[in-house]
Amino acid sequence: MGFDHFGWIAPWYDRLFGSSQLEHWNRLLKLPVEGRILDAGGGTGRVAEMIRCGTCEVVVADLSMGMLRQAEKKAGLSVLCSQTENLPFTEQSFERIIIVDALHHVLNQRETLLDLFRVLKPGGRLLIEEPDIRQFKVKILAVAEKVLLMRSHFISPVIIAGVFKGLPARVEIETKGSAAWVIVEREM
């Protein structure tokens, strides 16, 4: 696996990347919702902590144990050490799934997206937030992460959305500045 960059920065991660887009996430995910929410690649649980509600179970799945140790400190979150390409959940087990700024770090993005869709319930929503590689400053970020020997591979929101072609899903793309959101709703 190599050096765990995220385990190393885990104690400071929330302070470094703590900005909140709660209203935006709530709108795109149509929260609050009854049932289960998955924060895939959720690291310290900073996003999961913001979107949790009193009537739902929120699971943070991440590969970095250092990040998950930080998530365990947050009330109301369940944590699981897992790759996103092969989640240990039954089909259609989550009402909402979010993957924030993590897709470019996974080993196989297509497998990750298909597995997230597999565990999404009919009528459920999957929100993928990624830096928009079509923007110059994101291209600089991509080079910086390569220099740091991170296994990052940024892809455009159009390519992300294309993975769901032919599946029973409605897909939308939103962009603002250097961020992109791909919203996938599994049809009933």
N, C-alpha and C. Protein backbone atom coordinates (compact mmCIF):
# COMPACT_ATOMS: atom_id res chain seq x y z
N MET A 1 0.82 -1.19 0.00
CA MET A 1 0.00 0.00 0.00
C MET A 1 0.86 1.25 0.00
N GLY A 2 2.05 1.22 0.58
CA GLY A 2 2.89 2.41 0.61
C GLY A 2 2.61 3.28 1.82
N PHE A 3 3.16 4.47 1.79
CA PHE A 3 3.03 5.43 2.88
C PHE A 3 1.59 5.90 3.01
N ASP A 4 1.07 5.91 4.23
CA ASP A 4 -0.30 6.36 4.49
C ASP A 4 -0.29 7.86 4.76
N HIS A 5 -0.35 8.66 3.68
CA HIS A 5 -0.36 10.12 3.81
C HIS A 5 -1.48 10.59 4.73
N PHE A 6 -2.63 9.94 4.61
CA PHE A 6 -3.79 10.38 5.37
C PHE A 6 -3.69 10.00 6.84
N GLY A 7 -3.13 8.86 7.13
CA GLY A 7 -2.91 8.49 8.52
C GLY A 7 -1.97 9.47 9.21
N TRP A 8 -1.00 9.96 8.46
CA TRP A 8 -0.03 10.90 8.99
C TRP A 8 -0.66 12.25 9.32
N ILE A 9 -1.57 12.74 8.45
CA ILE A 9 -2.18 14.06 8.69
C ILE A 9 -3.49 13.98 9.46
N ALA A 10 -3.94 12.78 9.79
CA ALA A 10 -5.25 12.60 10.43
C ALA A 10 -5.49 13.49 11.65
N PRO A 11 -4.53 13.62 12.58
CA PRO A 11 -4.81 14.46 13.77
C PRO A 11 -5.11 15.92 13.44
N TRP A 12 -4.64 16.42 12.30
CA TRP A 12 -4.82 17.83 11.94
C TRP A 12 -5.80 18.02 10.78
N TYR A 13 -6.29 16.94 10.22
CA TYR A 13 -7.07 16.99 8.98
C TYR A 13 -8.30 17.90 9.09
N ASP A 14 -9.07 17.75 10.15
CA ASP A 14 -10.30 18.55 10.29
C ASP A 14 -9.99 20.05 10.36
N ARG A 15 -8.88 20.42 10.98
CA ARG A 15 -8.51 21.83 11.05
C ARG A 15 -8.03 22.35 9.70
N LEU A 16 -7.36 21.49 8.93
CA LEU A 16 -6.87 21.89 7.62
C LEU A 16 -7.98 21.99 6.58
N PHE A 17 -8.95 21.07 6.67
CA PHE A 17 -10.00 20.96 5.65
C PHE A 17 -11.38 21.04 6.27
N GLY A 18 -11.58 21.92 7.21
CA GLY A 18 -12.82 21.96 7.97
C GLY A 18 -13.95 22.80 7.42
N SER A 19 -13.79 23.37 6.23
CA SER A 19 -14.85 24.24 5.73
C SER A 19 -16.15 23.46 5.52
N SER A 20 -17.24 24.11 5.80
CA SER A 20 -18.55 23.45 5.75
C SER A 20 -19.33 23.85 4.51
N GLN A 21 -19.87 22.88 3.87
CA GLN A 21 -20.80 23.10 2.77
C GLN A 21 -22.11 22.42 3.11
N LEU A 22 -22.45 22.43 4.38
CA LEU A 22 -23.59 21.67 4.88
C LEU A 22 -24.88 21.97 4.11
N GLU A 23 -25.21 23.23 3.92
CA GLU A 23 -26.45 23.56 3.21
C GLU A 23 -26.44 23.01 1.79
N HIS A 24 -25.29 23.09 1.14
CA HIS A 24 -25.16 22.57 -0.23
C HIS A 24 -25.34 21.05 -0.25
N TRP A 25 -24.66 20.34 0.66
CA TRP A 25 -24.78 18.88 0.73
C TRP A 25 -26.21 18.48 1.07
N ASN A 26 -26.83 19.17 2.02
CA ASN A 26 -28.21 18.85 2.39
C ASN A 26 -29.15 18.99 1.20
N ARG A 27 -28.96 20.04 0.41
CA ARG A 27 -29.81 20.26 -0.76
C ARG A 27 -29.59 19.16 -1.80
N LEU A 28 -28.33 18.86 -2.10
CA LEU A 28 -28.04 17.87 -3.14
C LEU A 28 -28.43 16.45 -2.72
N LEU A 29 -28.30 16.15 -1.44
CA LEU A 29 -28.67 14.83 -0.93
C LEU A 29 -30.14 14.72 -0.54
N LYS A 30 -30.82 15.86 -0.50
CA LYS A 30 -32.21 15.93 -0.02
C LYS A 30 -32.30 15.38 1.41
N LEU A 31 -31.53 16.00 2.29
CA LEU A 31 -31.51 15.63 3.70
C LEU A 31 -32.41 16.57 4.48
N PRO A 32 -32.89 16.15 5.64
CA PRO A 32 -32.63 14.87 6.31
C PRO A 32 -33.43 13.73 5.68
N VAL A 33 -33.01 12.52 6.01
CA VAL A 33 -33.65 11.32 5.48
C VAL A 33 -33.67 10.26 6.58
N GLU A 34 -34.66 9.42 6.56
CA GLU A 34 -34.70 8.27 7.47
C GLU A 34 -33.81 7.18 6.89
N GLY A 35 -33.14 6.43 7.73
CA GLY A 35 -32.38 5.28 7.25
C GLY A 35 -30.88 5.43 7.42
N ARG A 36 -30.13 4.85 6.47
CA ARG A 36 -28.68 4.77 6.58
C ARG A 36 -27.98 5.68 5.57
N ILE A 37 -26.89 6.30 6.03
CA ILE A 37 -26.05 7.15 5.19
C ILE A 37 -24.64 6.59 5.23
N LEU A 38 -24.01 6.50 4.05
CA LEU A 38 -22.62 6.05 3.95
C LEU A 38 -21.75 7.22 3.51
N ASP A 39 -20.68 7.47 4.26
CA ASP A 39 -19.65 8.43 3.86
C ASP A 39 -18.46 7.59 3.41
N ALA A 40 -18.36 7.35 2.10
CA ALA A 40 -17.31 6.50 1.54
C ALA A 40 -16.03 7.31 1.39
N GLY A 41 -14.91 6.73 1.83
CA GLY A 41 -13.67 7.48 1.83
C GLY A 41 -13.77 8.65 2.78
N GLY A 42 -14.55 8.46 3.84
CA GLY A 42 -14.94 9.54 4.75
C GLY A 42 -13.89 9.96 5.75
N GLY A 43 -12.76 9.29 5.79
CA GLY A 43 -11.65 9.72 6.63
C GLY A 43 -12.00 9.96 8.07
N THR A 44 -11.83 11.19 8.53
CA THR A 44 -12.04 11.56 9.93
C THR A 44 -13.51 11.71 10.29
N GLY A 45 -14.38 11.58 9.30
CA GLY A 45 -15.81 11.74 9.56
C GLY A 45 -16.26 13.18 9.63
N ARG A 46 -15.43 14.10 9.12
CA ARG A 46 -15.79 15.53 9.20
C ARG A 46 -17.08 15.83 8.45
N VAL A 47 -17.30 15.19 7.30
CA VAL A 47 -18.54 15.41 6.55
C VAL A 47 -19.68 14.64 7.21
N ALA A 48 -19.41 13.38 7.56
CA ALA A 48 -20.44 12.55 8.19
C ALA A 48 -20.98 13.19 9.45
N GLU A 49 -20.10 13.80 10.23
CA GLU A 49 -20.52 14.46 11.46
C GLU A 49 -21.49 15.61 11.17
N MET A 50 -21.27 16.30 10.06
CA MET A 50 -22.14 17.43 9.72
C MET A 50 -23.49 16.99 9.18
N ILE A 51 -23.54 15.87 8.46
CA ILE A 51 -24.80 15.48 7.82
C ILE A 51 -25.60 14.47 8.63
N ARG A 52 -25.06 14.03 9.75
CA ARG A 52 -25.81 13.03 10.53
C ARG A 52 -27.09 13.65 11.08
N CYS A 53 -28.04 12.78 11.31
CA CYS A 53 -29.32 13.25 11.87
C CYS A 53 -29.72 12.29 12.98
N GLY A 54 -30.67 12.69 13.75
CA GLY A 54 -31.07 11.89 14.90
C GLY A 54 -31.73 10.56 14.55
N THR A 55 -32.27 10.45 13.35
CA THR A 55 -33.02 9.24 12.99
C THR A 55 -32.29 8.36 11.98
N CYS A 56 -31.03 8.65 11.70
CA CYS A 56 -30.32 7.84 10.70
C CYS A 56 -29.00 7.32 11.26
N GLU A 57 -28.58 6.20 10.72
CA GLU A 57 -27.27 5.64 11.05
C GLU A 57 -26.29 6.14 10.00
N VAL A 58 -25.15 6.67 10.45
CA VAL A 58 -24.13 7.17 9.54
C VAL A 58 -22.88 6.31 9.68
N VAL A 59 -22.45 5.73 8.55
CA VAL A 59 -21.27 4.87 8.51
C VAL A 59 -20.17 5.58 7.74
N VAL A 60 -18.98 5.62 8.32
CA VAL A 60 -17.80 6.16 7.66
C VAL A 60 -16.93 4.97 7.26
N ALA A 61 -16.70 4.83 5.97
CA ALA A 61 -15.82 3.76 5.46
C ALA A 61 -14.57 4.40 4.87
N ASP A 62 -13.42 3.93 5.31
CA ASP A 62 -12.15 4.48 4.82
C ASP A 62 -11.08 3.41 4.97
N LEU A 63 -10.02 3.53 4.20
CA LEU A 63 -8.92 2.56 4.26
C LEU A 63 -7.87 2.94 5.29
N SER A 64 -7.81 4.21 5.68
CA SER A 64 -6.79 4.69 6.61
C SER A 64 -7.25 4.54 8.06
N MET A 65 -6.57 3.68 8.80
CA MET A 65 -6.91 3.51 10.21
C MET A 65 -6.63 4.78 11.01
N GLY A 66 -5.62 5.55 10.62
CA GLY A 66 -5.35 6.81 11.30
C GLY A 66 -6.51 7.77 11.20
N MET A 67 -7.10 7.84 10.01
CA MET A 67 -8.27 8.71 9.81
C MET A 67 -9.47 8.17 10.60
N LEU A 68 -9.68 6.86 10.55
CA LEU A 68 -10.83 6.27 11.24
C LEU A 68 -10.73 6.42 12.75
N ARG A 69 -9.51 6.42 13.30
CA ARG A 69 -9.37 6.66 14.74
C ARG A 69 -9.90 8.04 15.12
N GLN A 70 -9.73 9.01 14.23
CA GLN A 70 -10.28 10.35 14.48
C GLN A 70 -11.81 10.32 14.37
N ALA A 71 -12.33 9.56 13.39
CA ALA A 71 -13.79 9.46 13.22
C ALA A 71 -14.45 8.79 14.42
N GLU A 72 -13.76 7.82 15.01
CA GLU A 72 -14.31 7.10 16.18
C GLU A 72 -14.56 8.04 17.35
N LYS A 73 -13.87 9.15 17.40
CA LYS A 73 -14.02 10.11 18.50
C LYS A 73 -15.29 10.94 18.38
N LYS A 74 -15.93 10.87 17.22
CA LYS A 74 -17.12 11.68 16.97
C LYS A 74 -18.37 10.88 17.30
N ALA A 75 -19.26 11.49 18.07
CA ALA A 75 -20.49 10.81 18.49
C ALA A 75 -21.39 10.53 17.30
N GLY A 76 -22.05 9.40 17.34
CA GLY A 76 -23.07 9.08 16.35
C GLY A 76 -22.57 8.51 15.05
N LEU A 77 -21.28 8.19 14.94
CA LEU A 77 -20.74 7.63 13.71
C LEU A 77 -20.28 6.19 13.93
N SER A 78 -20.56 5.34 12.97
CA SER A 78 -19.99 3.99 12.94
C SER A 78 -18.85 4.04 11.94
N VAL A 79 -17.77 3.33 12.23
CA VAL A 79 -16.62 3.34 11.32
C VAL A 79 -16.31 1.93 10.83
N LEU A 80 -15.75 1.88 9.63
CA LEU A 80 -15.41 0.61 9.00
C LEU A 80 -14.18 0.81 8.14
N CYS A 81 -13.17 -0.04 8.33
CA CYS A 81 -11.98 -0.01 7.49
C CYS A 81 -12.27 -0.86 6.25
N SER A 82 -12.35 -0.20 5.10
CA SER A 82 -12.71 -0.90 3.87
C SER A 82 -12.27 -0.12 2.65
N GLN A 83 -11.92 -0.85 1.60
CA GLN A 83 -11.73 -0.22 0.30
C GLN A 83 -13.11 0.13 -0.24
N THR A 84 -13.18 1.15 -1.05
CA THR A 84 -14.46 1.54 -1.63
C THR A 84 -14.84 0.69 -2.83
N GLU A 85 -13.89 -0.05 -3.37
CA GLU A 85 -14.15 -0.87 -4.54
C GLU A 85 -14.91 -2.15 -4.22
N ASN A 86 -14.91 -2.54 -2.96
CA ASN A 86 -15.53 -3.81 -2.57
C ASN A 86 -16.08 -3.66 -1.15
N LEU A 87 -17.16 -2.93 -1.04
CA LEU A 87 -17.75 -2.64 0.27
C LEU A 87 -18.45 -3.87 0.84
N PRO A 88 -18.33 -4.11 2.13
CA PRO A 88 -18.92 -5.30 2.74
C PRO A 88 -20.38 -5.10 3.16
N PHE A 89 -21.17 -4.53 2.28
CA PHE A 89 -22.58 -4.29 2.57
C PHE A 89 -23.43 -5.02 1.54
N THR A 90 -24.64 -5.37 1.96
CA THR A 90 -25.56 -6.01 1.02
C THR A 90 -26.05 -4.99 0.00
N GLU A 91 -26.56 -5.49 -1.09
CA GLU A 91 -27.09 -4.62 -2.13
C GLU A 91 -28.21 -3.75 -1.56
N GLN A 92 -28.26 -2.53 -2.06
CA GLN A 92 -29.34 -1.60 -1.75
C GLN A 92 -29.55 -1.42 -0.24
N SER A 93 -28.48 -1.08 0.47
CA SER A 93 -28.58 -0.96 1.92
C SER A 93 -28.46 0.48 2.46
N PHE A 94 -28.27 1.49 1.57
CA PHE A 94 -28.14 2.87 2.03
C PHE A 94 -29.09 3.79 1.28
N GLU A 95 -29.73 4.70 2.03
CA GLU A 95 -30.61 5.71 1.43
C GLU A 95 -29.79 6.83 0.78
N ARG A 96 -28.66 7.16 1.39
CA ARG A 96 -27.80 8.23 0.88
C ARG A 96 -26.35 7.79 1.00
N ILE A 97 -25.56 8.19 0.00
CA ILE A 97 -24.12 7.93 0.00
C ILE A 97 -23.42 9.20 -0.44
N ILE A 98 -22.33 9.52 0.24
CA ILE A 98 -21.54 10.69 -0.12
C ILE A 98 -20.08 10.26 -0.20
N ILE A 99 -19.39 10.77 -1.19
CA ILE A 99 -17.94 10.59 -1.30
C ILE A 99 -17.37 11.96 -1.66
N VAL A 100 -16.72 12.58 -0.69
CA VAL A 100 -16.26 13.96 -0.80
C VAL A 100 -14.74 13.99 -0.93
N ASP A 101 -14.27 14.53 -2.06
CA ASP A 101 -12.84 14.75 -2.26
C ASP A 101 -12.03 13.48 -2.04
N ALA A 102 -12.58 12.34 -2.42
CA ALA A 102 -11.89 11.06 -2.17
C ALA A 102 -11.78 10.19 -3.41
N LEU A 103 -12.64 10.39 -4.39
CA LEU A 103 -12.64 9.49 -5.55
C LEU A 103 -11.29 9.48 -6.26
N HIS A 104 -10.62 10.61 -6.33
CA HIS A 104 -9.33 10.65 -7.03
C HIS A 104 -8.23 9.90 -6.26
N HIS A 105 -8.51 9.46 -5.04
CA HIS A 105 -7.52 8.71 -4.25
C HIS A 105 -7.72 7.19 -4.31
N VAL A 106 -8.85 6.71 -4.80
CA VAL A 106 -9.10 5.27 -4.77
C VAL A 106 -8.32 4.56 -5.87
N LEU A 107 -8.12 3.26 -5.69
CA LEU A 107 -7.36 2.49 -6.67
C LEU A 107 -8.10 2.35 -7.99
N ASN A 108 -9.40 2.03 -7.94
CA ASN A 108 -10.17 1.82 -9.16
C ASN A 108 -11.46 2.63 -9.06
N GLN A 109 -11.50 3.74 -9.75
CA GLN A 109 -12.64 4.65 -9.65
C GLN A 109 -13.92 4.03 -10.21
N ARG A 110 -13.83 3.36 -11.33
CA ARG A 110 -15.03 2.75 -11.93
C ARG A 110 -15.62 1.71 -10.99
N GLU A 111 -14.78 0.83 -10.44
CA GLU A 111 -15.27 -0.19 -9.50
C GLU A 111 -15.87 0.46 -8.27
N THR A 112 -15.24 1.53 -7.78
CA THR A 112 -15.78 2.24 -6.63
C THR A 112 -17.17 2.78 -6.92
N LEU A 113 -17.33 3.47 -8.04
CA LEU A 113 -18.62 4.07 -8.38
C LEU A 113 -19.69 3.00 -8.56
N LEU A 114 -19.33 1.90 -9.20
CA LEU A 114 -20.31 0.82 -9.40
C LEU A 114 -20.68 0.15 -8.08
N ASP A 115 -19.70 0.02 -7.17
CA ASP A 115 -20.02 -0.60 -5.88
C ASP A 115 -20.86 0.34 -5.02
N LEU A 116 -20.59 1.64 -5.10
CA LEU A 116 -21.44 2.59 -4.37
C LEU A 116 -22.86 2.52 -4.91
N PHE A 117 -23.01 2.42 -6.21
CA PHE A 117 -24.35 2.31 -6.80
C PHE A 117 -25.02 0.99 -6.37
N ARG A 118 -24.24 -0.06 -6.26
CA ARG A 118 -24.77 -1.37 -5.83
C ARG A 118 -25.41 -1.29 -4.46
N VAL A 119 -24.81 -0.54 -3.54
CA VAL A 119 -25.33 -0.48 -2.16
C VAL A 119 -26.34 0.64 -1.96
N LEU A 120 -26.65 1.38 -3.01
CA LEU A 120 -27.63 2.46 -2.95
C LEU A 120 -29.04 1.91 -3.17
N LYS A 121 -29.96 2.27 -2.29
CA LYS A 121 -31.35 1.82 -2.41
C LYS A 121 -32.07 2.53 -3.56
N PRO A 122 -33.08 1.90 -4.13
CA PRO A 122 -33.91 2.60 -5.12
C PRO A 122 -34.51 3.86 -4.49
N GLY A 123 -34.44 4.96 -5.23
CA GLY A 123 -34.87 6.25 -4.69
C GLY A 123 -33.78 6.96 -3.92
N GLY A 124 -32.67 6.28 -3.70
CA GLY A 124 -31.56 6.85 -2.95
C GLY A 124 -30.71 7.77 -3.80
N ARG A 125 -29.89 8.56 -3.12
CA ARG A 125 -29.03 9.53 -3.81
C ARG A 125 -27.57 9.31 -3.43
N LEU A 126 -26.72 9.37 -4.44
CA LEU A 126 -25.27 9.29 -4.29
C LEU A 126 -24.70 10.64 -4.72
N LEU A 127 -23.89 11.24 -3.85
CA LEU A 127 -23.27 12.53 -4.15
C LEU A 127 -21.76 12.35 -4.20
N ILE A 128 -21.19 12.67 -5.36
CA ILE A 128 -19.74 12.59 -5.56
C ILE A 128 -19.24 14.02 -5.70
N GLU A 129 -18.41 14.44 -4.76
CA GLU A 129 -17.81 15.78 -4.82
C GLU A 129 -16.33 15.61 -5.11
N GLU A 130 -15.86 16.27 -6.16
CA GLU A 130 -14.46 16.17 -6.56
C GLU A 130 -13.95 17.52 -7.04
N PRO A 131 -12.64 17.75 -6.92
CA PRO A 131 -12.07 18.92 -7.59
C PRO A 131 -12.26 18.74 -9.10
N ASP A 132 -12.61 19.80 -9.78
CA ASP A 132 -12.88 19.74 -11.23
C ASP A 132 -11.56 19.86 -12.00
N ILE A 133 -11.07 18.74 -12.49
CA ILE A 133 -9.77 18.68 -13.16
C ILE A 133 -9.71 19.56 -14.41
N ARG A 134 -10.83 20.03 -14.88
CA ARG A 134 -10.84 20.91 -16.04
C ARG A 134 -10.38 22.32 -15.68
N GLN A 135 -10.26 22.61 -14.37
CA GLN A 135 -9.83 23.92 -13.89
C GLN A 135 -8.32 23.93 -13.67
N PHE A 136 -7.67 25.03 -14.04
CA PHE A 136 -6.22 25.12 -13.98
C PHE A 136 -5.66 24.86 -12.58
N LYS A 137 -6.28 25.46 -11.55
CA LYS A 137 -5.71 25.28 -10.20
C LYS A 137 -5.84 23.83 -9.73
N VAL A 138 -6.81 23.09 -10.23
CA VAL A 138 -6.91 21.66 -9.89
C VAL A 138 -5.82 20.87 -10.60
N LYS A 139 -5.48 21.29 -11.81
CA LYS A 139 -4.36 20.64 -12.51
C LYS A 139 -3.06 20.82 -11.72
N ILE A 140 -2.88 21.99 -11.13
CA ILE A 140 -1.71 22.24 -10.27
C ILE A 140 -1.75 21.32 -9.05
N LEU A 141 -2.93 21.19 -8.43
CA LEU A 141 -3.11 20.28 -7.30
C LEU A 141 -2.76 18.84 -7.69
N ALA A 142 -3.20 18.42 -8.87
CA ALA A 142 -2.93 17.06 -9.34
C ALA A 142 -1.43 16.82 -9.46
N VAL A 143 -0.71 17.79 -9.98
CA VAL A 143 0.75 17.67 -10.10
C VAL A 143 1.38 17.60 -8.70
N ALA A 144 0.92 18.45 -7.79
CA ALA A 144 1.45 18.46 -6.42
C ALA A 144 1.25 17.11 -5.74
N GLU A 145 0.08 16.51 -5.92
CA GLU A 145 -0.18 15.21 -5.30
C GLU A 145 0.70 14.12 -5.92
N LYS A 146 1.01 14.23 -7.20
CA LYS A 146 1.95 13.28 -7.84
C LYS A 146 3.34 13.43 -7.23
N VAL A 147 3.78 14.68 -7.03
CA VAL A 147 5.09 14.95 -6.43
C VAL A 147 5.17 14.36 -5.03
N LEU A 148 4.05 14.41 -4.30
CA LEU A 148 3.99 13.86 -2.94
C LEU A 148 3.81 12.34 -2.93
N LEU A 149 3.83 11.73 -4.12
CA LEU A 149 3.71 10.29 -4.30
C LEU A 149 2.35 9.75 -3.84
N MET A 150 1.35 10.59 -3.94
CA MET A 150 -0.01 10.12 -3.67
C MET A 150 -0.50 9.45 -4.96
N ARG A 151 -1.34 8.47 -4.83
CA ARG A 151 -1.79 7.75 -6.02
C ARG A 151 -3.02 8.41 -6.66
N SER A 152 -3.08 9.69 -6.58
CA SER A 152 -4.22 10.44 -7.08
C SER A 152 -4.37 10.32 -8.59
N HIS A 153 -5.62 10.25 -9.02
CA HIS A 153 -5.94 10.25 -10.45
C HIS A 153 -7.26 11.00 -10.60
N PHE A 154 -7.16 12.25 -11.00
CA PHE A 154 -8.35 13.10 -11.13
C PHE A 154 -9.03 12.82 -12.47
N ILE A 155 -10.36 12.75 -12.45
CA ILE A 155 -11.13 12.61 -13.68
C ILE A 155 -12.24 13.65 -13.69
N SER A 156 -12.70 14.00 -14.88
CA SER A 156 -13.70 15.06 -15.00
C SER A 156 -15.07 14.57 -14.54
N PRO A 157 -15.94 15.50 -14.17
CA PRO A 157 -17.30 15.12 -13.76
C PRO A 157 -18.06 14.43 -14.90
N VAL A 158 -17.75 14.76 -16.13
CA VAL A 158 -18.42 14.12 -17.27
C VAL A 158 -18.04 12.63 -17.34
N ILE A 159 -16.78 12.33 -17.09
CA ILE A 159 -16.36 10.92 -17.08
C ILE A 159 -16.99 10.19 -15.90
N ILE A 160 -17.04 10.84 -14.74
CA ILE A 160 -17.70 10.23 -13.57
C ILE A 160 -19.15 9.92 -13.91
N ALA A 161 -19.86 10.88 -14.45
CA ALA A 161 -21.27 10.68 -14.79
C ALA A 161 -21.45 9.56 -15.81
N GLY A 162 -20.50 9.44 -16.74
CA GLY A 162 -20.58 8.42 -17.77
C GLY A 162 -20.56 7.00 -17.26
N VAL A 163 -20.00 6.79 -16.08
CA VAL A 163 -19.96 5.45 -15.49
C VAL A 163 -21.37 4.91 -15.26
N PHE A 164 -22.33 5.79 -15.04
CA PHE A 164 -23.70 5.38 -14.71
C PHE A 164 -24.59 5.22 -15.94
N LYS A 165 -24.02 5.45 -17.11
CA LYS A 165 -24.80 5.30 -18.35
C LYS A 165 -25.25 3.85 -18.49
N GLY A 166 -26.51 3.68 -18.79
CA GLY A 166 -27.08 2.34 -18.95
C GLY A 166 -27.60 1.74 -17.65
N LEU A 167 -27.35 2.40 -16.53
CA LEU A 167 -27.86 1.93 -15.24
C LEU A 167 -29.18 2.65 -14.95
N PRO A 168 -30.01 2.09 -14.07
CA PRO A 168 -31.27 2.76 -13.74
C PRO A 168 -31.02 3.96 -12.82
N ALA A 169 -30.53 5.04 -13.43
CA ALA A 169 -30.14 6.20 -12.64
C ALA A 169 -30.37 7.49 -13.42
N ARG A 170 -30.70 8.54 -12.66
CA ARG A 170 -30.71 9.91 -13.18
C ARG A 170 -29.46 10.58 -12.66
N VAL A 171 -28.72 11.23 -13.54
CA VAL A 171 -27.44 11.83 -13.17
C VAL A 171 -27.44 13.31 -13.53
N GLU A 172 -26.98 14.13 -12.59
CA GLU A 172 -26.83 15.57 -12.80
C GLU A 172 -25.41 15.96 -12.44
N ILE A 173 -24.94 17.03 -13.05
CA ILE A 173 -23.63 17.59 -12.72
C ILE A 173 -23.82 19.05 -12.35
N GLU A 174 -23.20 19.46 -11.24
CA GLU A 174 -23.14 20.87 -10.85
C GLU A 174 -21.68 21.23 -10.68
N THR A 175 -21.33 22.44 -11.05
CA THR A 175 -19.96 22.92 -10.84
C THR A 175 -20.01 24.33 -10.29
N LYS A 176 -18.99 24.65 -9.52
CA LYS A 176 -18.82 26.01 -9.02
C LYS A 176 -17.35 26.18 -8.68
N GLY A 177 -16.73 27.16 -9.31
CA GLY A 177 -15.31 27.38 -9.08
C GLY A 177 -14.51 26.15 -9.47
N SER A 178 -13.75 25.65 -8.54
CA SER A 178 -12.91 24.48 -8.83
C SER A 178 -13.53 23.18 -8.34
N ALA A 179 -14.78 23.21 -7.93
CA ALA A 179 -15.45 22.01 -7.41
C ALA A 179 -16.51 21.52 -8.39
N ALA A 180 -16.72 20.20 -8.36
CA ALA A 180 -17.78 19.58 -9.17
C ALA A 180 -18.52 18.59 -8.31
N TRP A 181 -19.82 18.50 -8.55
CA TRP A 181 -20.67 17.54 -7.86
C TRP A 181 -21.42 16.73 -8.90
N VAL A 182 -21.33 15.42 -8.78
CA VAL A 182 -22.12 14.53 -9.61
C VAL A 182 -23.16 13.91 -8.68
N ILE A 183 -24.42 14.11 -9.01
CA ILE A 183 -25.52 13.62 -8.18
C ILE A 183 -26.20 12.50 -8.94
N VAL A 184 -26.26 11.32 -8.31
CA VAL A 184 -26.84 10.14 -8.94
C VAL A 184 -28.04 9.72 -8.11
N GLU A 185 -29.21 9.63 -8.73
CA GLU A 185 -30.40 9.14 -8.04
C GLU A 185 -30.78 7.80 -8.66
N ARG A 186 -30.81 6.77 -7.83
CA ARG A 186 -31.18 5.44 -8.32
C ARG A 186 -32.69 5.39 -8.52
N GLU A 187 -33.10 4.99 -9.72
CA GLU A 187 -34.51 4.95 -10.03
C GLU A 187 -35.20 3.86 -9.23
N MET A 188 -36.49 4.08 -9.00
CA MET A 188 -37.30 3.11 -8.24
C MET A 188 -37.57 1.87 -9.06
